[in-house]
N, C-alpha and C. Protein backbone atom coordinates (compact mmCIF):
# COMPACT_ATOMS: atom_id res chain seq x y z
N MET A 1 8.14 -2.62 -1.87
CA MET A 1 8.75 -1.90 -3.31
C MET A 1 9.92 -1.03 -3.11
N GLU A 2 10.79 -0.65 -3.48
CA GLU A 2 11.79 0.07 -3.40
C GLU A 2 11.14 1.26 -4.27
N PRO A 3 11.45 2.76 -3.65
CA PRO A 3 11.13 3.60 -4.56
C PRO A 3 11.91 3.75 -6.06
N GLY A 4 13.04 3.23 -6.33
CA GLY A 4 13.85 3.18 -7.40
C GLY A 4 12.93 2.35 -8.31
N SER A 5 12.51 1.41 -8.12
CA SER A 5 11.69 0.38 -8.71
C SER A 5 10.15 0.74 -9.01
N LEU A 6 10.05 1.70 -8.24
CA LEU A 6 8.32 2.42 -8.80
C LEU A 6 8.52 3.22 -9.45
N THR A 7 9.75 4.22 -9.43
CA THR A 7 9.84 5.42 -10.27
C THR A 7 10.19 5.16 -11.71
N GLY A 8 10.99 3.83 -11.95
CA GLY A 8 11.87 3.55 -12.73
C GLY A 8 10.37 3.10 -13.98
N VAL A 9 9.50 2.64 -13.36
CA VAL A 9 8.17 2.19 -14.21
C VAL A 9 7.11 3.36 -14.21
N LEU A 10 6.97 4.05 -13.09
CA LEU A 10 5.90 5.11 -13.26
C LEU A 10 6.39 6.16 -14.06
N GLY A 11 7.93 6.53 -14.18
CA GLY A 11 8.45 8.09 -14.76
C GLY A 11 8.24 7.92 -16.28
N PRO A 12 8.49 6.76 -17.23
CA PRO A 12 8.31 6.73 -18.49
C PRO A 12 7.13 7.22 -19.19
N LYS A 13 5.59 6.85 -18.27
CA LYS A 13 4.57 7.19 -18.64
C LYS A 13 4.16 8.57 -18.19
N THR A 14 4.45 8.48 -16.71
CA THR A 14 3.69 10.21 -15.96
C THR A 14 4.47 11.04 -16.61
N HIS A 15 5.77 11.22 -16.67
CA HIS A 15 6.88 12.04 -16.90
C HIS A 15 6.27 12.73 -18.43
N ASP A 16 6.43 11.63 -19.51
CA ASP A 16 6.48 11.74 -20.44
C ASP A 16 5.01 12.37 -21.17
N VAL A 17 3.86 11.84 -20.71
CA VAL A 17 2.72 12.43 -20.98
C VAL A 17 2.52 13.43 -20.94
N GLN A 18 3.03 14.15 -19.46
CA GLN A 18 2.88 15.83 -18.96
C GLN A 18 3.66 16.25 -19.99
N ASN A 19 5.09 16.25 -20.68
CA ASN A 19 5.46 16.55 -21.45
C ASN A 19 5.02 16.84 -22.72
N LEU A 20 4.54 15.75 -23.00
CA LEU A 20 3.47 16.07 -24.30
C LEU A 20 2.49 17.12 -24.17
N HIS A 21 1.89 16.83 -23.19
CA HIS A 21 0.62 17.87 -22.86
C HIS A 21 1.14 19.42 -22.92
N ARG A 22 2.20 19.76 -22.24
CA ARG A 22 3.02 21.05 -22.22
C ARG A 22 3.16 21.48 -23.75
N LEU A 23 4.00 20.39 -24.14
CA LEU A 23 4.34 20.80 -25.54
C LEU A 23 3.55 20.98 -26.47
N THR A 24 2.31 20.40 -26.59
CA THR A 24 1.04 20.49 -27.60
C THR A 24 0.14 21.28 -27.39
N ALA A 25 0.09 22.13 -25.98
CA ALA A 25 -1.03 22.69 -25.43
C ALA A 25 -1.41 23.82 -26.57
N ALA A 26 -0.78 24.37 -27.26
CA ALA A 26 -1.16 25.68 -28.29
C ALA A 26 -1.46 25.01 -29.52
N ASP A 27 -1.28 23.72 -29.79
CA ASP A 27 -1.92 23.28 -31.05
C ASP A 27 -2.97 22.51 -31.19
N ASP A 28 -3.57 22.78 -32.33
CA ASP A 28 -4.93 22.21 -32.74
C ASP A 28 -4.84 20.85 -32.97
N LEU A 29 -4.98 19.88 -31.91
CA LEU A 29 -4.63 18.59 -32.34
C LEU A 29 -5.98 17.78 -32.58
N ASP A 30 -5.74 17.08 -33.43
CA ASP A 30 -7.03 15.98 -33.81
C ASP A 30 -7.11 14.98 -32.89
N TRP A 31 -5.75 14.32 -32.45
CA TRP A 31 -6.11 13.10 -31.46
C TRP A 31 -4.98 13.46 -30.68
N PHE A 32 -5.04 12.86 -29.39
CA PHE A 32 -4.06 12.72 -28.73
C PHE A 32 -4.29 11.41 -27.59
N VAL A 33 -3.85 10.25 -28.12
CA VAL A 33 -3.87 9.02 -27.88
C VAL A 33 -2.95 8.37 -26.85
N MET A 34 -3.55 7.84 -25.97
CA MET A 34 -2.37 7.00 -24.90
C MET A 34 -2.79 5.63 -24.81
N PHE A 35 -1.60 4.76 -24.99
CA PHE A 35 -1.53 3.21 -25.01
C PHE A 35 -1.51 3.11 -23.34
N SER A 36 -2.43 2.72 -22.65
CA SER A 36 -2.67 2.26 -21.29
C SER A 36 -2.55 0.85 -21.51
N SER A 37 -3.16 0.03 -20.33
CA SER A 37 -3.31 -1.19 -20.27
C SER A 37 -4.33 -1.28 -19.39
N ALA A 38 -4.84 -2.81 -19.89
CA ALA A 38 -6.07 -3.21 -18.89
C ALA A 38 -5.84 -3.50 -17.47
N ALA A 39 -4.60 -3.59 -17.26
CA ALA A 39 -4.02 -3.77 -15.62
C ALA A 39 -4.78 -2.71 -14.77
N SER A 40 -4.88 -1.36 -15.12
CA SER A 40 -5.21 -0.57 -14.75
C SER A 40 -6.57 -0.79 -13.91
N VAL A 41 -7.45 -1.19 -14.59
CA VAL A 41 -8.88 -1.70 -14.18
C VAL A 41 -9.18 -2.85 -13.74
N ALA A 42 -8.14 -3.75 -14.25
CA ALA A 42 -8.48 -5.07 -13.52
C ALA A 42 -7.45 -5.69 -12.72
N GLY A 43 -6.25 -5.00 -12.51
CA GLY A 43 -5.21 -5.16 -11.64
C GLY A 43 -4.13 -6.27 -12.40
N SER A 44 -2.87 -6.63 -11.67
CA SER A 44 -2.48 -7.63 -12.16
C SER A 44 -1.40 -7.74 -11.10
N PRO A 45 -1.36 -9.17 -11.07
CA PRO A 45 -0.26 -9.32 -9.67
C PRO A 45 1.04 -9.19 -9.52
N CYS A 46 1.75 -8.72 -8.82
CA CYS A 46 3.00 -8.40 -8.68
C CYS A 46 3.60 -7.12 -9.64
N GLN A 47 2.52 -6.70 -10.12
CA GLN A 47 3.02 -5.37 -11.01
C GLN A 47 2.15 -3.78 -10.41
N ALA A 48 2.38 -3.46 -9.28
CA ALA A 48 1.48 -2.45 -8.88
C ALA A 48 2.26 -1.21 -9.55
N SER A 49 3.48 -1.17 -9.61
CA SER A 49 4.00 -0.13 -10.40
C SER A 49 3.29 0.26 -11.71
N TYR A 50 3.32 -0.80 -12.34
CA TYR A 50 2.76 -0.95 -14.01
C TYR A 50 1.36 -0.66 -13.91
N CYS A 51 0.19 -0.83 -12.79
CA CYS A 51 -1.19 -0.77 -13.07
C CYS A 51 -1.12 1.00 -12.48
N ALA A 52 -0.44 1.45 -11.47
CA ALA A 52 -0.55 2.74 -11.29
C ALA A 52 -0.04 3.51 -12.69
N ALA A 53 0.87 3.36 -13.00
CA ALA A 53 1.52 4.07 -14.18
C ALA A 53 0.40 4.09 -15.34
N ASN A 54 -0.27 3.47 -15.34
CA ASN A 54 -1.48 3.28 -16.86
C ASN A 54 -2.64 3.86 -16.04
N ALA A 55 -2.96 3.84 -14.68
CA ALA A 55 -4.20 4.55 -14.02
C ALA A 55 -3.96 6.00 -14.31
N PHE A 56 -2.33 6.23 -14.27
CA PHE A 56 -2.03 7.64 -14.47
C PHE A 56 -2.72 8.08 -15.98
N LEU A 57 -2.55 7.54 -16.90
CA LEU A 57 -2.71 7.81 -18.17
C LEU A 57 -4.45 7.88 -18.20
N ASP A 58 -5.08 6.99 -17.52
CA ASP A 58 -6.47 7.06 -17.82
C ASP A 58 -6.85 8.27 -17.17
N SER A 59 -6.30 8.41 -15.67
CA SER A 59 -7.00 9.76 -15.61
C SER A 59 -6.31 11.20 -15.93
N PHE A 60 -5.32 11.04 -16.53
CA PHE A 60 -4.70 12.01 -17.31
C PHE A 60 -5.92 12.39 -18.72
N ALA A 61 -6.25 11.41 -19.37
CA ALA A 61 -7.07 11.59 -20.66
C ALA A 61 -8.27 12.23 -20.26
N HIS A 62 -8.89 11.74 -18.76
CA HIS A 62 -10.25 12.55 -18.07
C HIS A 62 -9.88 14.05 -17.84
N TYR A 63 -8.50 14.07 -17.24
CA TYR A 63 -8.27 15.45 -16.99
C TYR A 63 -8.07 16.23 -18.52
N ARG A 64 -7.56 15.86 -19.40
CA ARG A 64 -7.30 16.73 -20.41
C ARG A 64 -8.84 17.14 -21.20
N HIS A 65 -9.95 15.97 -21.28
CA HIS A 65 -11.12 16.37 -21.62
C HIS A 65 -12.12 17.30 -21.00
N ARG A 66 -11.79 17.30 -19.56
CA ARG A 66 -12.28 18.08 -18.67
C ARG A 66 -12.05 19.51 -18.85
N ARG A 67 -10.76 19.91 -19.70
CA ARG A 67 -10.23 21.20 -20.12
C ARG A 67 -10.43 21.47 -21.66
N ASP A 68 -11.38 20.38 -22.30
CA ASP A 68 -11.55 20.47 -23.84
C ASP A 68 -10.32 20.36 -24.64
N PHE A 69 -9.71 19.51 -24.42
CA PHE A 69 -8.57 18.87 -24.92
C PHE A 69 -8.58 17.62 -25.40
N PRO A 70 -8.53 17.21 -26.45
CA PRO A 70 -8.67 15.99 -26.95
C PRO A 70 -7.65 14.63 -26.30
N ALA A 71 -8.16 13.67 -25.74
CA ALA A 71 -7.61 12.69 -25.30
C ALA A 71 -8.41 11.33 -25.04
N THR A 72 -7.66 10.52 -25.54
CA THR A 72 -8.21 9.04 -25.63
C THR A 72 -6.83 7.73 -25.09
N SER A 73 -7.47 7.29 -23.75
CA SER A 73 -6.44 6.30 -23.33
C SER A 73 -7.29 5.02 -23.55
N ILE A 74 -6.33 4.39 -24.04
CA ILE A 74 -6.64 2.64 -24.39
C ILE A 74 -6.20 1.76 -23.67
N ASP A 75 -7.14 1.20 -22.93
CA ASP A 75 -6.42 0.10 -21.95
C ASP A 75 -6.56 -1.13 -22.63
N TRP A 76 -5.36 -1.58 -23.34
CA TRP A 76 -5.43 -2.89 -23.94
C TRP A 76 -5.08 -3.76 -23.03
N GLY A 77 -5.90 -4.81 -23.72
CA GLY A 77 -5.38 -6.51 -23.01
C GLY A 77 -4.08 -6.65 -23.87
N PRO A 78 -3.51 -8.11 -23.82
CA PRO A 78 -2.44 -8.66 -24.40
C PRO A 78 -2.60 -8.69 -25.64
N TRP A 79 -1.87 -8.32 -26.21
CA TRP A 79 -1.42 -8.58 -27.90
C TRP A 79 -0.83 -9.94 -28.28
N ALA A 80 -1.11 -10.22 -29.39
CA ALA A 80 -0.67 -11.62 -30.02
C ALA A 80 0.69 -11.75 -30.55
N ASP A 81 0.87 -10.31 -31.21
CA ASP A 81 2.27 -10.60 -31.80
C ASP A 81 3.31 -9.15 -31.71
N ALA A 82 2.76 -8.73 -30.67
CA ALA A 82 3.63 -7.24 -29.98
C ALA A 82 3.34 -7.04 -28.68
N GLY A 83 4.21 -6.37 -28.08
CA GLY A 83 3.86 -6.06 -26.73
C GLY A 83 4.59 -6.71 -25.72
N MET A 84 4.26 -6.35 -24.48
CA MET A 84 5.03 -7.01 -23.17
C MET A 84 4.53 -8.18 -23.13
N ALA A 85 3.30 -8.69 -23.16
CA ALA A 85 2.69 -10.34 -22.96
C ALA A 85 3.56 -11.03 -24.36
N ALA A 86 3.73 -10.32 -25.33
CA ALA A 86 4.10 -11.19 -26.53
C ALA A 86 5.83 -11.75 -26.19
N ARG A 87 6.13 -10.67 -25.60
CA ARG A 87 7.71 -10.63 -25.71
C ARG A 87 8.24 -11.69 -24.07
N ALA A 88 7.39 -11.28 -23.37
CA ALA A 88 7.66 -11.98 -22.19
C ALA A 88 7.93 -13.47 -22.06
N ALA A 89 8.85 -14.05 -21.51
CA ALA A 89 9.62 -15.36 -21.61
C ALA A 89 8.45 -16.21 -20.75
N ASP A 90 8.02 -17.35 -21.19
CA ASP A 90 7.23 -18.09 -20.00
C ASP A 90 8.18 -19.46 -19.58
N PRO A 91 8.50 -19.41 -18.54
CA PRO A 91 9.44 -20.59 -18.22
C PRO A 91 8.91 -21.84 -17.97
N ALA A 92 7.49 -21.79 -17.87
CA ALA A 92 6.46 -23.01 -17.71
C ALA A 92 6.43 -23.55 -19.34
N GLY A 93 6.73 -22.76 -20.50
CA GLY A 93 6.22 -23.36 -21.58
C GLY A 93 4.91 -23.29 -21.84
N GLU A 94 4.09 -22.17 -20.98
CA GLU A 94 2.73 -22.27 -21.68
C GLU A 94 2.27 -21.46 -22.37
N SER A 95 1.70 -22.24 -23.69
CA SER A 95 1.18 -21.52 -24.84
C SER A 95 0.13 -20.23 -24.58
N ALA A 96 0.18 -19.85 -25.64
CA ALA A 96 -0.82 -18.53 -25.67
C ALA A 96 -2.59 -19.31 -25.39
N ARG A 97 -2.66 -20.38 -26.08
CA ARG A 97 -3.90 -21.06 -26.09
C ARG A 97 -4.14 -21.45 -24.33
N ASP A 98 -3.17 -22.20 -23.97
CA ASP A 98 -3.21 -22.56 -22.45
C ASP A 98 -3.52 -21.32 -21.45
N ARG A 99 -2.79 -20.26 -22.16
CA ARG A 99 -2.92 -19.37 -21.13
C ARG A 99 -4.45 -18.54 -20.83
N SER A 100 -4.99 -18.57 -22.17
CA SER A 100 -6.03 -18.29 -22.65
C SER A 100 -7.17 -19.36 -21.82
N LEU A 101 -7.09 -20.48 -21.95
CA LEU A 101 -7.97 -21.40 -21.22
C LEU A 101 -8.00 -21.21 -19.58
N ARG A 102 -6.43 -21.04 -19.13
CA ARG A 102 -6.31 -20.85 -17.59
C ARG A 102 -7.17 -19.49 -17.48
N THR A 103 -6.96 -18.10 -17.80
CA THR A 103 -7.32 -16.91 -17.76
C THR A 103 -8.54 -16.45 -18.13
N GLY A 104 -9.27 -17.12 -19.22
CA GLY A 104 -10.37 -16.64 -19.77
C GLY A 104 -10.23 -15.38 -20.70
N ILE A 105 -8.89 -14.92 -20.92
CA ILE A 105 -8.24 -14.11 -21.82
C ILE A 105 -7.75 -14.37 -23.00
N SER A 106 -8.28 -13.68 -24.26
CA SER A 106 -7.46 -13.81 -25.17
C SER A 106 -6.66 -13.16 -25.96
N SER A 107 -5.58 -13.20 -26.76
CA SER A 107 -5.28 -12.45 -27.39
C SER A 107 -5.63 -11.54 -28.41
N ILE A 108 -5.06 -10.32 -28.57
CA ILE A 108 -5.61 -9.35 -29.65
C ILE A 108 -4.44 -9.62 -30.84
N SER A 109 -5.28 -9.82 -31.87
CA SER A 109 -4.59 -10.25 -33.34
C SER A 109 -4.16 -8.63 -33.83
N MET A 110 -3.06 -8.54 -34.49
CA MET A 110 -2.53 -7.26 -35.10
C MET A 110 -3.66 -6.82 -36.16
N ALA A 111 -4.30 -7.38 -36.52
CA ALA A 111 -5.20 -6.98 -37.66
C ALA A 111 -6.59 -6.17 -36.68
N ASP A 112 -6.79 -7.14 -35.83
CA ASP A 112 -8.06 -6.87 -34.71
C ASP A 112 -7.92 -5.38 -34.16
N GLY A 113 -6.51 -5.57 -33.45
CA GLY A 113 -6.14 -4.62 -32.81
C GLY A 113 -6.11 -2.68 -33.63
N LEU A 114 -5.64 -3.04 -34.83
CA LEU A 114 -5.61 -1.88 -35.72
C LEU A 114 -6.83 -1.26 -36.09
N HIS A 115 -7.84 -2.32 -36.06
CA HIS A 115 -9.18 -1.96 -36.67
C HIS A 115 -10.05 -1.57 -35.52
N MET A 116 -9.70 -1.93 -33.93
CA MET A 116 -10.11 -1.29 -32.79
C MET A 116 -9.48 0.13 -32.51
N LEU A 117 -8.15 -0.10 -32.73
CA LEU A 117 -7.64 1.56 -32.58
C LEU A 117 -8.27 2.61 -33.52
N GLY A 118 -8.87 2.52 -34.91
CA GLY A 118 -9.18 3.41 -35.92
C GLY A 118 -10.55 3.58 -34.92
N ARG A 119 -11.58 2.68 -34.84
CA ARG A 119 -12.60 2.96 -34.09
C ARG A 119 -12.53 3.71 -32.83
N ILE A 120 -11.96 3.37 -31.98
CA ILE A 120 -11.44 4.05 -30.86
C ILE A 120 -11.40 5.30 -31.18
N ILE A 121 -10.34 5.80 -32.05
CA ILE A 121 -9.97 7.02 -32.11
C ILE A 121 -11.19 8.05 -32.53
N ALA A 122 -12.14 7.27 -33.54
CA ALA A 122 -13.09 8.07 -34.27
C ALA A 122 -14.27 8.20 -33.16
N SER A 123 -14.12 7.63 -32.28
CA SER A 123 -15.16 7.75 -31.21
C SER A 123 -15.28 8.79 -30.08
N ALA A 124 -13.98 9.18 -30.19
CA ALA A 124 -13.34 10.52 -29.36
C ALA A 124 -13.66 10.22 -27.88
N ALA A 125 -13.61 9.15 -27.26
CA ALA A 125 -13.74 8.71 -25.88
C ALA A 125 -12.74 8.97 -25.18
N ALA A 126 -12.80 9.47 -23.79
CA ALA A 126 -11.77 9.79 -23.00
C ALA A 126 -11.08 8.23 -22.59
N GLN A 127 -11.92 7.16 -22.25
CA GLN A 127 -11.06 5.80 -21.93
C GLN A 127 -11.92 4.69 -22.64
N ILE A 128 -11.10 3.80 -23.26
CA ILE A 128 -11.85 2.51 -23.67
C ILE A 128 -10.91 1.31 -23.02
N VAL A 129 -11.59 0.23 -22.74
CA VAL A 129 -10.84 -1.05 -22.50
C VAL A 129 -10.97 -2.03 -23.83
N VAL A 130 -10.08 -2.55 -24.19
CA VAL A 130 -10.10 -3.35 -25.33
C VAL A 130 -9.25 -4.78 -24.73
N LEU A 131 -10.17 -5.55 -24.14
CA LEU A 131 -9.96 -7.02 -23.37
C LEU A 131 -10.75 -8.09 -23.95
N PRO A 132 -10.30 -9.01 -24.97
CA PRO A 132 -11.05 -9.98 -25.44
C PRO A 132 -11.05 -11.02 -24.23
N TYR A 133 -12.41 -11.64 -23.86
CA TYR A 133 -12.40 -12.56 -22.71
C TYR A 133 -13.61 -12.79 -22.74
N ASP A 134 -13.72 -14.01 -22.12
CA ASP A 134 -15.29 -14.64 -21.76
C ASP A 134 -15.48 -14.71 -20.22
N LEU A 135 -16.36 -13.81 -20.16
CA LEU A 135 -16.83 -13.09 -18.83
C LEU A 135 -17.16 -14.30 -17.58
N GLU A 136 -17.81 -15.38 -18.52
CA GLU A 136 -18.13 -16.44 -17.28
C GLU A 136 -16.85 -17.04 -16.89
N ASP A 137 -15.67 -17.54 -17.76
CA ASP A 137 -14.60 -18.24 -17.52
C ASP A 137 -13.77 -17.14 -16.86
N LEU A 138 -13.63 -15.77 -16.94
CA LEU A 138 -12.99 -14.84 -16.28
C LEU A 138 -13.33 -14.92 -14.65
N LEU A 139 -14.46 -14.96 -14.23
CA LEU A 139 -15.13 -14.86 -13.08
C LEU A 139 -15.23 -16.19 -12.21
N TRP A 140 -14.78 -17.13 -13.07
CA TRP A 140 -14.78 -18.71 -12.59
C TRP A 140 -13.29 -18.80 -12.10
N PHE A 141 -12.34 -18.35 -12.77
CA PHE A 141 -11.06 -18.46 -12.31
C PHE A 141 -10.83 -17.26 -11.24
N TYR A 142 -11.49 -16.35 -11.29
CA TYR A 142 -11.18 -15.54 -10.26
C TYR A 142 -12.47 -14.71 -9.71
N PRO A 143 -13.20 -15.61 -9.16
CA PRO A 143 -14.80 -15.04 -8.86
C PRO A 143 -14.96 -13.96 -7.57
N ALA A 144 -13.53 -13.98 -6.70
CA ALA A 144 -13.65 -12.85 -5.73
C ALA A 144 -12.73 -11.82 -6.01
N GLY A 145 -11.84 -11.73 -7.36
CA GLY A 145 -10.63 -10.67 -7.41
C GLY A 145 -11.40 -9.66 -7.56
N PRO A 146 -10.33 -8.37 -7.48
CA PRO A 146 -10.58 -7.02 -7.28
C PRO A 146 -11.35 -6.78 -8.68
N ALA A 147 -11.03 -7.26 -9.43
CA ALA A 147 -11.54 -6.78 -10.86
C ALA A 147 -13.21 -6.87 -11.15
N PHE A 148 -13.83 -7.74 -10.14
CA PHE A 148 -14.93 -7.74 -10.28
C PHE A 148 -16.03 -6.51 -10.28
N GLY A 149 -15.38 -5.59 -9.51
CA GLY A 149 -16.23 -4.35 -9.66
C GLY A 149 -16.43 -3.27 -10.90
N PHE A 150 -15.28 -3.91 -11.65
CA PHE A 150 -15.35 -3.27 -13.07
C PHE A 150 -16.35 -4.17 -14.04
N PHE A 151 -15.80 -5.43 -13.68
CA PHE A 151 -16.76 -6.32 -14.75
C PHE A 151 -18.29 -6.33 -14.19
N GLY A 152 -18.42 -6.29 -12.86
CA GLY A 152 -19.88 -6.04 -12.49
C GLY A 152 -20.80 -5.64 -13.17
N GLU A 153 -20.58 -4.50 -13.76
CA GLU A 153 -21.20 -3.62 -14.73
C GLU A 153 -21.85 -4.48 -16.22
N LEU A 154 -21.07 -5.38 -16.21
CA LEU A 154 -21.20 -6.35 -17.62
C LEU A 154 -21.88 -7.56 -16.93
N ALA A 155 -21.88 -8.08 -16.00
CA ALA A 155 -22.21 -9.18 -15.53
C ALA A 155 -23.65 -9.51 -15.05
N GLY A 156 -24.04 -10.69 -15.32
CA GLY A 156 -25.60 -10.83 -15.00
C GLY A 156 -25.76 -11.61 -13.59
N ASP A 157 -26.76 -12.22 -13.38
CA ASP A 157 -27.13 -12.97 -12.23
C ASP A 157 -26.09 -14.59 -12.33
N GLU A 158 -26.11 -14.89 -13.24
CA GLU A 158 -24.84 -16.06 -13.69
C GLU A 158 -23.67 -15.80 -13.07
N ALA A 159 -22.88 -14.66 -13.14
CA ALA A 159 -21.93 -14.24 -13.00
C ALA A 159 -21.81 -13.92 -11.47
N ALA A 160 -22.84 -13.35 -10.90
CA ALA A 160 -22.79 -12.85 -9.35
C ALA A 160 -22.79 -14.07 -8.78
N LEU A 161 -23.41 -15.40 -9.10
CA LEU A 161 -23.79 -16.73 -8.52
C LEU A 161 -22.26 -17.16 -8.48
N LEU A 162 -21.46 -17.02 -9.58
CA LEU A 162 -20.17 -17.46 -9.50
C LEU A 162 -19.53 -16.76 -8.54
N ARG A 163 -19.66 -15.48 -8.33
CA ARG A 163 -18.47 -14.95 -7.22
C ARG A 163 -18.87 -15.44 -5.97
N ASN A 164 -20.13 -15.63 -5.53
CA ASN A 164 -20.62 -16.11 -4.41
C ASN A 164 -20.32 -17.63 -4.05
N VAL A 165 -19.79 -18.14 -5.17
CA VAL A 165 -19.29 -19.59 -5.14
C VAL A 165 -17.44 -19.51 -4.68
N GLY A 166 -17.01 -18.33 -5.26
CA GLY A 166 -16.09 -18.05 -4.98
C GLY A 166 -15.66 -17.59 -3.38
N ARG A 167 -16.42 -16.85 -2.88
CA ARG A 167 -16.54 -16.35 -1.72
C ARG A 167 -16.83 -17.46 -0.74
N GLN A 168 -17.22 -18.66 -0.98
CA GLN A 168 -17.89 -19.53 -0.09
C GLN A 168 -16.69 -20.69 0.07
N ALA A 169 -16.11 -20.53 -1.31
CA ALA A 169 -14.39 -21.18 -1.37
C ALA A 169 -13.49 -20.81 -0.57
N GLN A 170 -13.56 -19.67 -0.42
CA GLN A 170 -12.46 -18.94 0.67
C GLN A 170 -12.71 -19.07 2.22
N ALA A 171 -14.16 -19.47 2.37
CA ALA A 171 -14.47 -19.82 3.93
C ALA A 171 -14.04 -21.37 4.23
N SER A 172 -13.76 -22.14 3.07
CA SER A 172 -13.66 -23.72 3.45
C SER A 172 -12.50 -23.82 4.46
N PRO A 173 -12.70 -25.13 5.04
CA PRO A 173 -11.25 -25.31 5.97
C PRO A 173 -10.09 -25.50 5.32
N ARG A 174 -9.21 -25.72 6.10
CA ARG A 174 -7.80 -26.19 5.49
C ARG A 174 -7.95 -27.42 5.46
N PRO A 175 -7.63 -27.73 4.23
CA PRO A 175 -7.54 -29.51 3.88
C PRO A 175 -6.39 -30.15 4.81
N GLU A 176 -6.57 -31.46 5.02
CA GLU A 176 -5.46 -32.59 5.66
C GLU A 176 -4.53 -32.09 4.45
N LEU A 177 -2.84 -32.30 5.04
CA LEU A 177 -1.79 -32.61 3.94
C LEU A 177 -1.34 -33.53 4.97
N GLY A 178 -0.41 -33.99 3.70
CA GLY A 178 0.68 -35.18 4.01
C GLY A 178 1.78 -34.70 4.74
N HIS A 179 2.05 -33.44 5.19
CA HIS A 179 3.11 -33.23 6.31
C HIS A 179 2.43 -32.15 7.45
N GLU A 180 3.39 -32.36 8.38
CA GLU A 180 2.97 -31.65 9.55
C GLU A 180 2.96 -30.20 9.45
N TYR A 181 1.82 -29.58 9.61
CA TYR A 181 2.08 -27.95 9.90
C TYR A 181 3.10 -27.37 10.43
N VAL A 182 3.67 -26.27 9.91
CA VAL A 182 4.32 -25.75 10.42
C VAL A 182 3.92 -23.98 10.46
N ALA A 183 3.60 -23.51 11.61
CA ALA A 183 3.08 -22.20 11.46
C ALA A 183 3.77 -21.19 11.20
N ALA A 184 3.80 -19.90 10.39
CA ALA A 184 4.35 -18.99 10.11
C ALA A 184 5.26 -18.16 11.43
N ARG A 185 6.54 -18.34 11.20
CA ARG A 185 7.55 -17.56 12.30
C ARG A 185 7.61 -16.25 12.19
N THR A 186 7.66 -15.43 10.88
CA THR A 186 7.97 -14.01 10.79
C THR A 186 6.94 -13.36 10.03
N ALA A 187 6.86 -12.02 9.78
CA ALA A 187 5.94 -11.22 9.72
C ALA A 187 5.82 -11.53 7.98
N VAL A 188 6.96 -11.76 7.18
CA VAL A 188 7.12 -11.85 6.15
C VAL A 188 6.16 -13.36 5.34
N GLU A 189 6.69 -14.41 6.25
CA GLU A 189 5.95 -15.67 6.22
C GLU A 189 4.62 -15.40 6.44
N GLN A 190 4.12 -14.77 7.24
CA GLN A 190 2.88 -14.42 7.69
C GLN A 190 1.83 -13.81 6.65
N GLN A 191 2.56 -12.82 5.87
CA GLN A 191 1.89 -12.13 4.88
C GLN A 191 1.82 -13.41 3.73
N ILE A 192 2.89 -13.84 3.47
CA ILE A 192 3.00 -14.90 2.30
C ILE A 192 1.53 -16.00 2.62
N VAL A 193 1.74 -16.50 3.95
CA VAL A 193 0.64 -17.23 4.36
C VAL A 193 -0.91 -16.65 4.00
N GLY A 194 -1.03 -15.36 4.50
CA GLY A 194 -2.06 -14.82 4.04
C GLY A 194 -2.74 -14.74 2.54
N ILE A 195 -1.45 -14.48 1.59
CA ILE A 195 -1.67 -14.63 0.03
C ILE A 195 -2.39 -16.17 -0.39
N TRP A 196 -1.52 -17.10 0.11
CA TRP A 196 -2.08 -18.41 0.14
C TRP A 196 -3.26 -18.60 0.19
N GLN A 197 -3.32 -18.51 1.75
CA GLN A 197 -4.66 -18.63 2.20
C GLN A 197 -5.64 -17.92 1.10
N THR A 198 -5.57 -16.72 0.60
CA THR A 198 -6.79 -16.16 -0.04
C THR A 198 -6.90 -16.76 -1.47
N SER A 199 -5.51 -17.09 -2.07
CA SER A 199 -5.56 -17.68 -3.54
C SER A 199 -6.63 -19.13 -3.59
N LEU A 200 -5.98 -19.92 -2.30
CA LEU A 200 -6.34 -21.34 -2.24
C LEU A 200 -7.85 -21.82 -1.63
N GLY A 201 -8.24 -20.38 -1.31
CA GLY A 201 -9.62 -20.29 -0.42
C GLY A 201 -9.18 -21.10 0.92
N MET A 202 -8.17 -21.22 1.69
CA MET A 202 -8.15 -21.80 2.89
C MET A 202 -8.69 -20.65 3.93
N LYS A 203 -9.09 -21.09 4.97
CA LYS A 203 -9.29 -20.39 6.42
C LYS A 203 -8.34 -20.26 7.35
N THR A 204 -8.29 -19.21 7.83
CA THR A 204 -6.82 -19.20 8.75
C THR A 204 -7.62 -20.04 9.98
N GLY A 205 -6.58 -19.88 10.87
CA GLY A 205 -6.59 -20.84 12.05
C GLY A 205 -6.05 -21.98 12.15
N GLN A 206 -6.25 -22.88 13.35
CA GLN A 206 -5.26 -24.01 13.63
C GLN A 206 -5.77 -24.88 12.67
N PRO A 207 -4.66 -25.52 12.14
CA PRO A 207 -5.02 -26.75 10.90
C PRO A 207 -5.55 -27.80 11.44
N PRO A 208 -6.21 -28.64 10.59
CA PRO A 208 -6.21 -30.14 11.37
C PRO A 208 -4.92 -30.96 11.17
N ALA A 209 -4.73 -32.02 11.85
CA ALA A 209 -3.86 -32.87 12.14
C ALA A 209 -3.57 -33.21 10.60
N ALA A 210 -1.89 -33.50 10.50
CA ALA A 210 -1.39 -34.06 9.20
C ALA A 210 -1.89 -35.34 9.00
N VAL A 211 -1.99 -35.80 7.61
CA VAL A 211 -2.52 -37.42 7.57
C VAL A 211 -0.66 -37.71 7.02
N PRO A 212 -0.23 -38.69 7.61
CA PRO A 212 0.54 -39.69 7.36
C PRO A 212 1.31 -39.88 6.01
N ASP A 213 2.15 -39.75 5.60
CA ASP A 213 2.82 -40.11 4.33
C ASP A 213 2.34 -41.52 3.86
């Protein structure tokens, strides 16, 4: 990741919240609410800078709390009618319902989101995650993902079993394919191979012979 692309995403959140903190330090505020993202606790592929920016907001809320300043950072999941998830174009034509079935995560309606916002502000908590999901489905699709440490606090024995299934899948041998195997030739290709092996549950090492077309 180039420094410019990193600072372009970090700046609007990290710099602006510090400016607000300084400008309101002498004010008797009722609320200091920051809109973060569930990506800061669950991760989001290919969005490292976005995850880091929102994690900064979460940390800053705890920083203010330790100094007896009001602060709440809300780690929102995707909204149905507003926000980045609603604006993002889907080249595959995937509907919100299809995305929900694929990921186990639903969208937050405007009415539910505003209702939750009122409850969260009244709670005066430093950080709250709002993420509509079916935990079983989520762990089934991402059984060994980085978010399990967070969701593990809510998961029971069944979810732990699903995670073990995911680990076993990652240890499975590479399946026979219809084309001859070509080993990675450059460092970039090796990194890509590693990503696919983890995602598809393929074991590293010499693959089996290819099956003729």
